[in-house]
Amino acid sequence: MGIVILIALLAAAPGEGLRGEAVAVNAGDRIAVRVQGKALKVRLAEIDSPELKQTFYRQSKQYAEKLVLGKQVELRVKSVDRYGTVIADVVLSDGSRLNEKMAAAGWAWHYRVELPINPRLAELEYEAWSKKIGLWVEPQPKPPWEFRRPDKIGRPPEADGDVDYEMILAHGLAGNRKTQTFQWPGCRRYFKITPKDRIVFSSKEQALSLGYKPAPGCQDVSSDD
Protein backbone atom coordinates (compact mmCIF):
# COMPACT_ATOMS: atom_id res chain seq x y z
CA MET A 1 0.00 0.00 0.00
CA GLY A 2 1.26 3.47 -0.81
CA ILE A 3 2.29 5.55 2.18
CA VAL A 4 0.00 8.41 1.08
CA ILE A 5 -3.06 6.12 1.16
CA LEU A 6 -1.98 4.75 4.52
CA ILE A 7 -1.63 8.21 6.03
CA ALA A 8 -5.06 9.13 4.69
CA LEU A 9 -6.61 6.08 6.32
CA LEU A 10 -4.94 6.77 9.65
CA ALA A 11 -6.06 10.40 9.56
CA ALA A 12 -9.65 9.50 8.65
CA ALA A 13 -10.78 8.91 12.24
CA PRO A 14 -8.59 10.84 14.70
CA GLY A 15 -8.84 9.44 18.20
CA GLU A 16 -10.60 6.30 16.98
CA GLY A 17 -9.45 2.87 15.88
CA LEU A 18 -9.46 1.54 12.34
CA ARG A 19 -11.87 -1.33 11.78
CA GLY A 20 -11.50 -4.13 9.28
CA GLU A 21 -11.18 -7.85 8.62
CA ALA A 22 -8.07 -9.84 9.43
CA VAL A 23 -7.33 -11.44 6.05
CA ALA A 24 -3.94 -13.02 6.73
CA VAL A 25 -1.68 -14.08 9.59
CA ASN A 26 2.01 -14.11 8.72
CA ALA A 27 3.34 -14.78 12.23
CA GLY A 28 2.14 -14.63 15.80
CA ASP A 29 2.76 -10.89 15.82
CA ARG A 30 2.15 -9.97 12.15
CA ILE A 31 -1.20 -9.90 10.39
CA ALA A 32 -2.89 -8.18 7.46
CA VAL A 33 -6.14 -6.29 7.95
CA ARG A 34 -8.38 -5.08 5.13
CA VAL A 35 -9.55 -1.56 5.89
CA GLN A 36 -11.75 0.28 3.38
CA GLY A 37 -10.69 -2.17 0.69
CA LYS A 38 -6.97 -1.80 1.39
CA ALA A 39 -4.82 -4.45 3.08
CA LEU A 40 -2.70 -3.00 5.87
CA LYS A 41 0.44 -4.71 7.14
CA VAL A 42 0.01 -4.79 10.90
CA ARG A 43 2.67 -5.51 13.54
CA LEU A 44 1.24 -6.21 16.98
CA ALA A 45 2.66 -3.64 19.38
CA GLU A 46 4.80 -4.59 22.37
CA ILE A 47 4.97 -8.34 21.78
CA ASP A 48 7.47 -10.42 19.80
CA SER A 49 6.70 -13.91 18.51
CA PRO A 50 9.07 -16.56 17.11
CA GLU A 51 10.53 -15.92 13.66
CA LEU A 52 10.06 -18.28 10.70
CA LYS A 53 13.17 -20.39 11.37
CA GLN A 54 12.73 -20.47 15.13
CA THR A 55 11.15 -23.18 17.25
CA PHE A 56 7.44 -22.55 17.94
CA TYR A 57 6.94 -20.25 14.94
CA ARG A 58 4.25 -22.55 13.55
CA GLN A 59 2.44 -22.97 16.87
CA SER A 60 2.46 -19.24 17.54
CA LYS A 61 1.15 -18.46 14.05
CA GLN A 62 -1.58 -21.09 14.30
CA TYR A 63 -2.75 -19.75 17.66
CA ALA A 64 -3.05 -16.24 16.22
CA GLU A 65 -4.92 -17.61 13.20
CA LYS A 66 -7.42 -19.34 15.48
CA LEU A 67 -8.11 -16.10 17.32
CA VAL A 68 -8.22 -13.57 14.51
CA LEU A 69 -8.24 -14.89 10.93
CA GLY A 70 -11.39 -13.93 9.04
CA LYS A 71 -12.71 -11.89 11.94
CA GLN A 72 -13.49 -8.21 12.38
CA VAL A 73 -10.95 -6.32 14.48
CA GLU A 74 -10.17 -2.82 15.60
CA LEU A 75 -6.66 -1.41 15.20
CA ARG A 76 -5.57 1.02 17.89
CA VAL A 77 -2.64 2.49 16.02
CA LYS A 78 0.47 3.58 17.89
CA SER A 79 2.80 4.37 15.00
CA VAL A 80 3.85 3.53 11.45
CA ASP A 81 7.42 2.35 10.88
CA ARG A 82 9.75 3.15 8.01
CA TYR A 83 8.31 0.33 5.87
CA GLY A 84 4.71 1.47 6.23
CA THR A 85 3.88 -1.23 8.76
CA VAL A 86 1.14 -0.23 11.17
CA ILE A 87 2.16 -0.80 14.80
CA ALA A 88 -1.03 -1.37 16.76
CA ASP A 89 -2.98 -3.05 19.50
CA VAL A 90 -5.43 -5.43 17.83
CA VAL A 91 -8.79 -5.49 19.60
CA LEU A 92 -11.10 -8.47 19.04
CA SER A 93 -14.90 -8.34 18.90
CA ASP A 94 -15.22 -9.24 22.59
CA GLY A 95 -13.01 -6.31 23.59
CA SER A 96 -9.94 -8.41 24.39
CA ARG A 97 -6.56 -7.67 22.84
CA LEU A 98 -4.80 -10.12 20.58
CA ASN A 99 -1.46 -8.76 21.80
CA GLU A 100 -2.29 -9.76 25.38
CA LYS A 101 -3.76 -13.14 24.42
CA MET A 102 -0.55 -14.10 22.60
CA ALA A 103 1.55 -13.25 25.66
CA ALA A 104 -0.87 -14.93 28.07
CA ALA A 105 -0.80 -18.18 26.07
CA GLY A 106 2.99 -18.20 26.06
CA TRP A 107 3.31 -17.72 22.29
CA ALA A 108 5.02 -14.34 22.43
CA TRP A 109 7.47 -12.37 24.53
CA HIS A 110 6.76 -8.96 25.98
CA TYR A 111 8.70 -6.71 23.58
CA ARG A 112 9.96 -3.98 25.91
CA VAL A 113 10.55 -1.19 23.40
CA GLU A 114 7.86 1.34 24.27
CA LEU A 115 7.73 3.91 27.03
CA PRO A 116 6.48 3.52 29.64
CA ILE A 117 6.86 -0.25 29.96
CA ASN A 118 3.49 -2.02 29.79
CA PRO A 119 2.86 -3.60 33.23
CA ARG A 120 0.01 -5.79 31.96
CA LEU A 121 2.16 -7.47 29.30
CA ALA A 122 4.98 -7.89 31.78
CA GLU A 123 2.56 -9.65 34.15
CA LEU A 124 1.15 -11.91 31.43
CA GLU A 125 4.61 -12.91 30.25
CA TYR A 126 5.64 -13.75 33.81
CA GLU A 127 2.51 -15.84 34.39
CA ALA A 128 3.05 -17.82 31.17
CA TRP A 129 6.71 -18.36 32.09
CA SER A 130 5.84 -19.49 35.63
CA LYS A 131 3.30 -22.00 34.27
CA LYS A 132 5.77 -23.20 31.61
CA ILE A 133 3.18 -22.95 28.84
CA GLY A 134 3.64 -22.23 25.14
CA LEU A 135 7.25 -21.58 24.17
CA TRP A 136 8.20 -21.48 27.86
CA VAL A 137 8.30 -25.29 27.93
CA GLU A 138 11.90 -24.71 26.84
CA PRO A 139 14.18 -23.60 29.70
CA GLN A 140 15.81 -20.77 27.73
CA PRO A 141 14.04 -20.02 24.43
CA LYS A 142 15.91 -17.51 22.29
CA PRO A 143 14.08 -14.18 22.00
CA PRO A 144 13.27 -13.15 18.42
CA TRP A 145 15.09 -9.82 18.78
CA GLU A 146 18.28 -11.76 19.48
CA PHE A 147 17.60 -14.07 16.52
CA ARG A 148 17.19 -11.01 14.24
CA ARG A 149 20.21 -9.13 15.58
CA PRO A 150 22.67 -8.40 12.75
CA ASP A 151 26.38 -9.18 13.00
CA LYS A 152 27.16 -5.50 12.55
CA ILE A 153 25.21 -2.91 14.50
CA GLY A 154 24.21 -0.03 12.26
CA ARG A 155 23.60 3.60 13.08
CA PRO A 156 20.59 4.35 15.25
CA PRO A 157 17.61 6.08 13.61
CA GLU A 158 17.69 9.86 13.75
CA ALA A 159 13.91 10.35 13.69
CA ASP A 160 10.86 8.32 14.66
CA GLY A 161 9.86 7.95 11.01
CA ASP A 162 13.13 6.09 10.34
CA VAL A 163 12.46 3.34 12.87
CA ASP A 164 12.27 -0.34 11.90
CA TYR A 165 10.11 -1.66 14.76
CA GLU A 166 11.63 -5.13 14.48
CA MET A 167 15.15 -3.78 15.05
CA ILE A 168 14.74 -1.31 17.91
CA LEU A 169 16.74 -3.43 20.36
CA ALA A 170 19.40 -4.05 17.71
CA HIS A 171 19.90 -0.30 17.35
CA GLY A 172 21.16 -0.26 20.92
CA LEU A 173 20.11 3.32 21.59
CA ALA A 174 19.94 3.49 25.38
CA GLY A 175 19.64 6.13 28.06
CA ASN A 176 20.88 6.33 31.62
CA ARG A 177 18.14 7.39 34.03
CA LYS A 178 20.70 8.63 36.57
CA THR A 179 22.63 10.91 34.24
CA GLN A 180 19.78 11.68 31.79
CA THR A 181 22.17 10.95 28.91
CA PHE A 182 21.97 8.52 26.00
CA GLN A 183 24.43 6.58 23.87
CA TRP A 184 24.71 3.54 21.65
CA PRO A 185 27.19 0.63 21.24
CA GLY A 186 29.68 2.77 19.32
CA CYS A 187 30.03 5.03 22.36
CA ARG A 188 32.80 4.35 24.84
CA ARG A 189 30.75 3.81 28.00
CA TYR A 190 27.68 2.19 26.50
CA PHE A 191 28.09 -1.09 28.38
CA LYS A 192 28.59 0.70 31.69
CA ILE A 193 24.87 1.51 32.00
CA THR A 194 23.40 -0.77 34.67
CA PRO A 195 20.20 -2.67 33.84
CA LYS A 196 18.14 -0.82 36.46
CA ASP A 197 19.18 2.56 35.02
CA ARG A 198 18.89 1.59 31.33
CA ILE A 199 16.03 2.90 29.23
CA VAL A 200 15.58 1.93 25.56
CA PHE A 201 14.86 4.53 22.88
CA SER A 202 13.60 3.85 19.38
CA SER A 203 15.33 6.89 17.87
CA LYS A 204 17.59 9.82 18.69
CA GLU A 205 14.58 12.08 18.27
CA GLN A 206 12.70 10.23 21.01
CA ALA A 207 15.64 10.46 23.41
CA LEU A 208 15.97 14.21 22.86
CA SER A 209 12.22 14.75 23.21
CA LEU A 210 12.33 13.15 26.67
CA GLY A 211 15.09 15.48 27.82
CA TYR A 212 18.08 13.14 27.42
CA LYS A 213 21.37 14.49 26.09
CA PRO A 214 24.18 12.71 24.20
CA ALA A 215 26.66 11.27 26.70
CA PRO A 216 30.12 12.86 26.97
CA GLY A 217 32.42 11.30 24.40
CA CYS A 218 29.40 10.36 22.32
CA GLN A 219 28.27 13.70 20.96
CA ASP A 220 27.62 12.31 17.48
CA VAL A 221 25.67 9.08 18.04
CA SER A 222 25.52 8.48 14.30
CA SER A 223 29.30 8.01 14.00
CA ASP A 224 31.51 5.08 14.91
CA ASP A 225 33.47 6.53 17.83
C-alpha atoms as a PDB file:
ATOM      1  CA  MET A   1       0.000   0.000   0.000  1.00  0.00           C
ATOM      2  CA  GLY A   2       1.255   3.475  -0.807  1.00  0.00           C
ATOM      3  CA  ILE A   3       2.289   5.553   2.184  1.00  0.00           C
ATOM      4  CA  VAL A   4      -0.003   8.409   1.084  1.00  0.00           C
ATOM      5  CA  ILE A   5      -3.063   6.116   1.157  1.00  0.00           C
ATOM      6  CA  LEU A   6      -1.976   4.747   4.517  1.00  0.00           C
ATOM      7  CA  ILE A   7      -1.631   8.214   6.026  1.00  0.00           C
ATOM      8  CA  ALA A   8      -5.059   9.134   4.688  1.00  0.00           C
ATOM      9  CA  LEU A   9      -6.612   6.081   6.322  1.00  0.00           C
ATOM     10  CA  LEU A  10      -4.936   6.774   9.651  1.00  0.00           C
ATOM     11  CA  ALA A  11      -6.061  10.396   9.562  1.00  0.00           C
ATOM     12  CA  ALA A  12      -9.648   9.496   8.654  1.00  0.00           C
ATOM     13  CA  ALA A  13     -10.784   8.913  12.238  1.00  0.00           C
ATOM     14  CA  PRO A  14      -8.590  10.836  14.696  1.00  0.00           C
ATOM     15  CA  GLY A  15      -8.843   9.443  18.197  1.00  0.00           C
ATOM     16  CA  GLU A  16     -10.599   6.301  16.977  1.00  0.00           C
ATOM     17  CA  GLY A  17      -9.447   2.867  15.877  1.00  0.00           C
ATOM     18  CA  LEU A  18      -9.460   1.536  12.345  1.00  0.00           C
ATOM     19  CA  ARG A  19     -11.870  -1.326  11.776  1.00  0.00           C
ATOM     20  CA  GLY A  20     -11.502  -4.130   9.279  1.00  0.00           C
ATOM     21  CA  GLU A  21     -11.176  -7.846   8.620  1.00  0.00           C
ATOM     22  CA  ALA A  22      -8.070  -9.838   9.431  1.00  0.00           C
ATOM     23  CA  VAL A  23      -7.335 -11.437   6.052  1.00  0.00           C
ATOM     24  CA  ALA A  24      -3.938 -13.019   6.730  1.00  0.00           C
ATOM     25  CA  VAL A  25      -1.677 -14.084   9.586  1.00  0.00           C
ATOM     26  CA  ASN A  26       2.014 -14.114   8.718  1.00  0.00           C
ATOM     27  CA  ALA A  27       3.344 -14.779  12.231  1.00  0.00           C
ATOM     28  CA  GLY A  28       2.136 -14.625  15.799  1.00  0.00           C
ATOM     29  CA  ASP A  29       2.755 -10.892  15.815  1.00  0.00           C
ATOM     30  CA  ARG A  30       2.149  -9.970  12.149  1.00  0.00           C
ATOM     31  CA  ILE A  31      -1.199  -9.903  10.390  1.00  0.00           C
ATOM     32  CA  ALA A  32      -2.887  -8.181   7.459  1.00  0.00           C
ATOM     33  CA  VAL A  33      -6.137  -6.293   7.946  1.00  0.00           C
ATOM     34  CA  ARG A  34      -8.378  -5.082   5.127  1.00  0.00           C
ATOM     35  CA  VAL A  35      -9.552  -1.555   5.892  1.00  0.00           C
ATOM     36  CA  GLN A  36     -11.745   0.281   3.383  1.00  0.00           C
ATOM     37  CA  GLY A  37     -10.694  -2.166   0.688  1.00  0.00           C
ATOM     38  CA  LYS A  38      -6.972  -1.795   1.387  1.00  0.00           C
ATOM     39  CA  ALA A  39      -4.821  -4.452   3.079  1.00  0.00           C
ATOM     40  CA  LEU A  40      -2.702  -3.001   5.867  1.00  0.00           C
ATOM     41  CA  LYS A  41       0.435  -4.711   7.137  1.00  0.00           C
ATOM     42  CA  VAL A  42       0.013  -4.793  10.902  1.00  0.00           C
ATOM     43  CA  ARG A  43       2.665  -5.509  13.541  1.00  0.00           C
ATOM     44  CA  LEU A  44       1.243  -6.206  16.984  1.00  0.00           C
ATOM     45  CA  ALA A  45       2.661  -3.643  19.383  1.00  0.00           C
ATOM     46  CA  GLU A  46       4.801  -4.588  22.368  1.00  0.00           C
ATOM     47  CA  ILE A  47       4.968  -8.339  21.775  1.00  0.00           C
ATOM     48  CA  ASP A  48       7.472 -10.420  19.800  1.00  0.00           C
ATOM     49  CA  SER A  49       6.702 -13.912  18.513  1.00  0.00           C
ATOM     50  CA  PRO A  50       9.072 -16.565  17.111  1.00  0.00           C
ATOM     51  CA  GLU A  51      10.531 -15.917  13.657  1.00  0.00           C
ATOM     52  CA  LEU A  52      10.059 -18.285  10.701  1.00  0.00           C
ATOM     53  CA  LYS A  53      13.168 -20.391  11.371  1.00  0.00           C
ATOM     54  CA  GLN A  54      12.731 -20.474  15.127  1.00  0.00           C
ATOM     55  CA  THR A  55      11.154 -23.183  17.245  1.00  0.00           C
ATOM     56  CA  PHE A  56       7.444 -22.550  17.945  1.00  0.00           C
ATOM     57  CA  TYR A  57       6.935 -20.254  14.940  1.00  0.00           C
ATOM     58  CA  ARG A  58       4.247 -22.552  13.547  1.00  0.00           C
ATOM     59  CA  GLN A  59       2.436 -22.968  16.871  1.00  0.00           C
ATOM     60  CA  SER A  60       2.458 -19.239  17.539  1.00  0.00           C
ATOM     61  CA  LYS A  61       1.146 -18.458  14.052  1.00  0.00           C
ATOM     62  CA  GLN A  62      -1.582 -21.090  14.304  1.00  0.00           C
ATOM     63  CA  TYR A  63      -2.752 -19.754  17.662  1.00  0.00           C
ATOM     64  CA  ALA A  64      -3.047 -16.235  16.216  1.00  0.00           C
ATOM     65  CA  GLU A  65      -4.922 -17.614  13.195  1.00  0.00           C
ATOM     66  CA  LYS A  66      -7.415 -19.344  15.481  1.00  0.00           C
ATOM     67  CA  LEU A  67      -8.113 -16.104  17.316  1.00  0.00           C
ATOM     68  CA  VAL A  68      -8.222 -13.573  14.505  1.00  0.00           C
ATOM     69  CA  LEU A  69      -8.241 -14.890  10.927  1.00  0.00           C
ATOM     70  CA  GLY A  70     -11.390 -13.929   9.036  1.00  0.00           C
ATOM     71  CA  LYS A  71     -12.714 -11.887  11.942  1.00  0.00           C
ATOM     72  CA  GLN A  72     -13.494  -8.209  12.383  1.00  0.00           C
ATOM     73  CA  VAL A  73     -10.949  -6.316  14.481  1.00  0.00           C
ATOM     74  CA  GLU A  74     -10.165  -2.816  15.603  1.00  0.00           C
ATOM     75  CA  LEU A  75      -6.658  -1.405  15.202  1.00  0.00           C
ATOM     76  CA  ARG A  76      -5.572   1.017  17.886  1.00  0.00           C
ATOM     77  CA  VAL A  77      -2.645   2.495  16.023  1.00  0.00           C
ATOM     78  CA  LYS A  78       0.472   3.584  17.890  1.00  0.00           C
ATOM     79  CA  SER A  79       2.800   4.366  15.005  1.00  0.00           C
ATOM     80  CA  VAL A  80       3.851   3.526  11.454  1.00  0.00           C
ATOM     81  CA  ASP A  81       7.417   2.351  10.879  1.00  0.00           C
ATOM     82  CA  ARG A  82       9.754   3.146   8.007  1.00  0.00           C
ATOM     83  CA  TYR A  83       8.308   0.329   5.872  1.00  0.00           C
ATOM     84  CA  GLY A  84       4.709   1.472   6.232  1.00  0.00           C
ATOM     85  CA  THR A  85       3.878  -1.228   8.758  1.00  0.00           C
ATOM     86  CA  VAL A  86       1.140  -0.228  11.174  1.00  0.00           C
ATOM     87  CA  ILE A  87       2.157  -0.798  14.796  1.00  0.00           C
ATOM     88  CA  ALA A  88      -1.027  -1.372  16.762  1.00  0.00           C
ATOM     89  CA  ASP A  89      -2.984  -3.050  19.496  1.00  0.00           C
ATOM     90  CA  VAL A  90      -5.434  -5.425  17.831  1.00  0.00           C
ATOM     91  CA  VAL A  91      -8.787  -5.493  19.599  1.00  0.00           C
ATOM     92  CA  LEU A  92     -11.098  -8.469  19.039  1.00  0.00           C
ATOM     93  CA  SER A  93     -14.904  -8.341  18.897  1.00  0.00           C
ATOM     94  CA  ASP A  94     -15.223  -9.243  22.595  1.00  0.00           C
ATOM     95  CA  GLY A  95     -13.008  -6.311  23.592  1.00  0.00           C
ATOM     96  CA  SER A  96      -9.939  -8.411  24.387  1.00  0.00           C
ATOM     97  CA  ARG A  97      -6.559  -7.669  22.836  1.00  0.00           C
ATOM     98  CA  LEU A  98      -4.804 -10.125  20.583  1.00  0.00           C
ATOM     99  CA  ASN A  99      -1.464  -8.763  21.805  1.00  0.00           C
ATOM    100  CA  GLU A 100      -2.293  -9.763  25.380  1.00  0.00           C
ATOM    101  CA  LYS A 101      -3.757 -13.137  24.422  1.00  0.00           C
ATOM    102  CA  MET A 102      -0.547 -14.101  22.604  1.00  0.00           C
ATOM    103  CA  ALA A 103       1.549 -13.247  25.655  1.00  0.00           C
ATOM    104  CA  ALA A 104      -0.872 -14.933  28.070  1.00  0.00           C
ATOM    105  CA  ALA A 105      -0.802 -18.181  26.071  1.00  0.00           C
ATOM    106  CA  GLY A 106       2.987 -18.198  26.057  1.00  0.00           C
ATOM    107  CA  TRP A 107       3.313 -17.722  22.294  1.00  0.00           C
ATOM    108  CA  ALA A 108       5.022 -14.335  22.431  1.00  0.00           C
ATOM    109  CA  TRP A 109       7.473 -12.369  24.529  1.00  0.00           C
ATOM    110  CA  HIS A 110       6.764  -8.963  25.979  1.00  0.00           C
ATOM    111  CA  TYR A 111       8.705  -6.706  23.576  1.00  0.00           C
ATOM    112  CA  ARG A 112       9.956  -3.976  25.909  1.00  0.00           C
ATOM    113  CA  VAL A 113      10.552  -1.191  23.403  1.00  0.00           C
ATOM    114  CA  GLU A 114       7.857   1.336  24.266  1.00  0.00           C
ATOM    115  CA  LEU A 115       7.735   3.908  27.029  1.00  0.00           C
ATOM    116  CA  PRO A 116       6.478   3.515  29.645  1.00  0.00           C
ATOM    117  CA  ILE A 117       6.861  -0.252  29.956  1.00  0.00           C
ATOM    118  CA  ASN A 118       3.487  -2.015  29.790  1.00  0.00           C
ATOM    119  CA  PRO A 119       2.862  -3.605  33.225  1.00  0.00           C
ATOM    120  CA  ARG A 120       0.010  -5.790  31.959  1.00  0.00           C
ATOM    121  CA  LEU A 121       2.155  -7.465  29.299  1.00  0.00           C
ATOM    122  CA  ALA A 122       4.984  -7.889  31.780  1.00  0.00           C
ATOM    123  CA  GLU A 123       2.560  -9.647  34.151  1.00  0.00           C
ATOM    124  CA  LEU A 124       1.147 -11.908  31.432  1.00  0.00           C
ATOM    125  CA  GLU A 125       4.612 -12.915  30.246  1.00  0.00           C
ATOM    126  CA  TYR A 126       5.637 -13.749  33.811  1.00  0.00           C
ATOM    127  CA  GLU A 127       2.508 -15.839  34.391  1.00  0.00           C
ATOM    128  CA  ALA A 128       3.055 -17.819  31.174  1.00  0.00           C
ATOM    129  CA  TRP A 129       6.709 -18.356  32.090  1.00  0.00           C
ATOM    130  CA  SER A 130       5.841 -19.494  35.629  1.00  0.00           C
ATOM    131  CA  LYS A 131       3.299 -22.000  34.271  1.00  0.00           C
ATOM    132  CA  LYS A 132       5.765 -23.200  31.607  1.00  0.00           C
ATOM    133  CA  ILE A 133       3.185 -22.952  28.836  1.00  0.00           C
ATOM    134  CA  GLY A 134       3.643 -22.229  25.137  1.00  0.00           C
ATOM    135  CA  LEU A 135       7.254 -21.581  24.175  1.00  0.00           C
ATOM    136  CA  TRP A 136       8.200 -21.483  27.861  1.00  0.00           C
ATOM    137  CA  VAL A 137       8.304 -25.291  27.929  1.00  0.00           C
ATOM    138  CA  GLU A 138      11.901 -24.713  26.839  1.00  0.00           C
ATOM    139  CA  PRO A 139      14.181 -23.600  29.698  1.00  0.00           C
ATOM    140  CA  GLN A 140      15.814 -20.766  27.729  1.00  0.00           C
ATOM    141  CA  PRO A 141      14.035 -20.016  24.435  1.00  0.00           C
ATOM    142  CA  LYS A 142      15.914 -17.513  22.286  1.00  0.00           C
ATOM    143  CA  PRO A 143      14.080 -14.184  22.001  1.00  0.00           C
ATOM    144  CA  PRO A 144      13.275 -13.150  18.415  1.00  0.00           C
ATOM    145  CA  TRP A 145      15.092  -9.822  18.776  1.00  0.00           C
ATOM    146  CA  GLU A 146      18.280 -11.757  19.483  1.00  0.00           C
ATOM    147  CA  PHE A 147      17.599 -14.066  16.519  1.00  0.00           C
ATOM    148  CA  ARG A 148      17.190 -11.005  14.240  1.00  0.00           C
ATOM    149  CA  ARG A 149      20.215  -9.134  15.584  1.00  0.00           C
ATOM    150  CA  PRO A 150      22.672  -8.402  12.745  1.00  0.00           C
ATOM    151  CA  ASP A 151      26.376  -9.181  13.002  1.00  0.00           C
ATOM    152  CA  LYS A 152      27.160  -5.501  12.553  1.00  0.00           C
ATOM    153  CA  ILE A 153      25.211  -2.907  14.497  1.00  0.00           C
ATOM    154  CA  GLY A 154      24.213  -0.030  12.264  1.00  0.00           C
ATOM    155  CA  ARG A 155      23.603   3.604  13.082  1.00  0.00           C
ATOM    156  CA  PRO A 156      20.589   4.352  15.248  1.00  0.00           C
ATOM    157  CA  PRO A 157      17.612   6.081  13.612  1.00  0.00           C
ATOM    158  CA  GLU A 158      17.687   9.864  13.749  1.00  0.00           C
ATOM    159  CA  ALA A 159      13.912  10.347  13.685  1.00  0.00           C
ATOM    160  CA  ASP A 160      10.860   8.318  14.663  1.00  0.00           C
ATOM    161  CA  GLY A 161       9.860   7.949  11.007  1.00  0.00           C
ATOM    162  CA  ASP A 162      13.130   6.091  10.336  1.00  0.00           C
ATOM    163  CA  VAL A 163      12.457   3.336  12.866  1.00  0.00           C
ATOM    164  CA  ASP A 164      12.270  -0.336  11.905  1.00  0.00           C
ATOM    165  CA  TYR A 165      10.113  -1.663  14.758  1.00  0.00           C
ATOM    166  CA  GLU A 166      11.632  -5.129  14.485  1.00  0.00           C
ATOM    167  CA  MET A 167      15.149  -3.776  15.047  1.00  0.00           C
ATOM    168  CA  ILE A 168      14.743  -1.307  17.913  1.00  0.00           C
ATOM    169  CA  LEU A 169      16.740  -3.431  20.364  1.00  0.00           C
ATOM    170  CA  ALA A 170      19.400  -4.049  17.712  1.00  0.00           C
ATOM    171  CA  HIS A 171      19.903  -0.297  17.350  1.00  0.00           C
ATOM    172  CA  GLY A 172      21.164  -0.258  20.921  1.00  0.00           C
ATOM    173  CA  LEU A 173      20.111   3.319  21.594  1.00  0.00           C
ATOM    174  CA  ALA A 174      19.941   3.492  25.379  1.00  0.00           C
ATOM    175  CA  GLY A 175      19.636   6.127  28.056  1.00  0.00           C
ATOM    176  CA  ASN A 176      20.882   6.328  31.616  1.00  0.00           C
ATOM    177  CA  ARG A 177      18.138   7.391  34.027  1.00  0.00           C
ATOM    178  CA  LYS A 178      20.700   8.628  36.569  1.00  0.00           C
ATOM    179  CA  THR A 179      22.630  10.906  34.241  1.00  0.00           C
ATOM    180  CA  GLN A 180      19.783  11.677  31.786  1.00  0.00           C
ATOM    181  CA  THR A 181      22.172  10.953  28.914  1.00  0.00           C
ATOM    182  CA  PHE A 182      21.973   8.517  26.003  1.00  0.00           C
ATOM    183  CA  GLN A 183      24.433   6.580  23.873  1.00  0.00           C
ATOM    184  CA  TRP A 184      24.715   3.540  21.651  1.00  0.00           C
ATOM    185  CA  PRO A 185      27.190   0.626  21.238  1.00  0.00           C
ATOM    186  CA  GLY A 186      29.678   2.774  19.318  1.00  0.00           C
ATOM    187  CA  CYS A 187      30.031   5.031  22.357  1.00  0.00           C
ATOM    188  CA  ARG A 188      32.804   4.348  24.837  1.00  0.00           C
ATOM    189  CA  ARG A 189      30.754   3.805  28.004  1.00  0.00           C
ATOM    190  CA  TYR A 190      27.676   2.191  26.505  1.00  0.00           C
ATOM    191  CA  PHE A 191      28.094  -1.092  28.375  1.00  0.00           C
ATOM    192  CA  LYS A 192      28.586   0.704  31.690  1.00  0.00           C
ATOM    193  CA  ILE A 193      24.873   1.510  31.995  1.00  0.00           C
ATOM    194  CA  THR A 194      23.395  -0.765  34.671  1.00  0.00           C
ATOM    195  CA  PRO A 195      20.197  -2.673  33.837  1.00  0.00           C
ATOM    196  CA  LYS A 196      18.144  -0.819  36.457  1.00  0.00           C
ATOM    197  CA  ASP A 197      19.178   2.557  35.017  1.00  0.00           C
ATOM    198  CA  ARG A 198      18.887   1.590  31.333  1.00  0.00           C
ATOM    199  CA  ILE A 199      16.028   2.905  29.227  1.00  0.00           C
ATOM    200  CA  VAL A 200      15.579   1.932  25.564  1.00  0.00           C
ATOM    201  CA  PHE A 201      14.861   4.535  22.880  1.00  0.00           C
ATOM    202  CA  SER A 202      13.600   3.850  19.375  1.00  0.00           C
ATOM    203  CA  SER A 203      15.333   6.887  17.873  1.00  0.00           C
ATOM    204  CA  LYS A 204      17.591   9.816  18.688  1.00  0.00           C
ATOM    205  CA  GLU A 205      14.576  12.079  18.265  1.00  0.00           C
ATOM    206  CA  GLN A 206      12.699  10.226  21.013  1.00  0.00           C
ATOM    207  CA  ALA A 207      15.637  10.461  23.409  1.00  0.00           C
ATOM    208  CA  LEU A 208      15.973  14.211  22.858  1.00  0.00           C
ATOM    209  CA  SER A 209      12.220  14.746  23.208  1.00  0.00           C
ATOM    210  CA  LEU A 210      12.326  13.151  26.672  1.00  0.00           C
ATOM    211  CA  GLY A 211      15.094  15.485  27.816  1.00  0.00           C
ATOM    212  CA  TYR A 212      18.077  13.137  27.425  1.00  0.00           C
ATOM    213  CA  LYS A 213      21.367  14.487  26.093  1.00  0.00           C
ATOM    214  CA  PRO A 214      24.180  12.712  24.200  1.00  0.00           C
ATOM    215  CA  ALA A 215      26.665  11.268  26.696  1.00  0.00           C
ATOM    216  CA  PRO A 216      30.125  12.858  26.973  1.00  0.00           C
ATOM    217  CA  GLY A 217      32.420  11.295  24.399  1.00  0.00           C
ATOM    218  CA  CYS A 218      29.400  10.364  22.316  1.00  0.00           C
ATOM    219  CA  GLN A 219      28.270  13.697  20.960  1.00  0.00           C
ATOM    220  CA  ASP A 220      27.622  12.311  17.479  1.00  0.00           C
ATOM    221  CA  VAL A 221      25.668   9.082  18.039  1.00  0.00           C
ATOM    222  CA  SER A 222      25.525   8.484  14.302  1.00  0.00           C
ATOM    223  CA  SER A 223      29.300   8.009  13.999  1.00  0.00           C
ATOM    224  CA  ASP A 224      31.515   5.078  14.908  1.00  0.00           C
ATOM    225  CA  ASP A 225      33.471   6.533  17.825  1.00  0.00           C
END
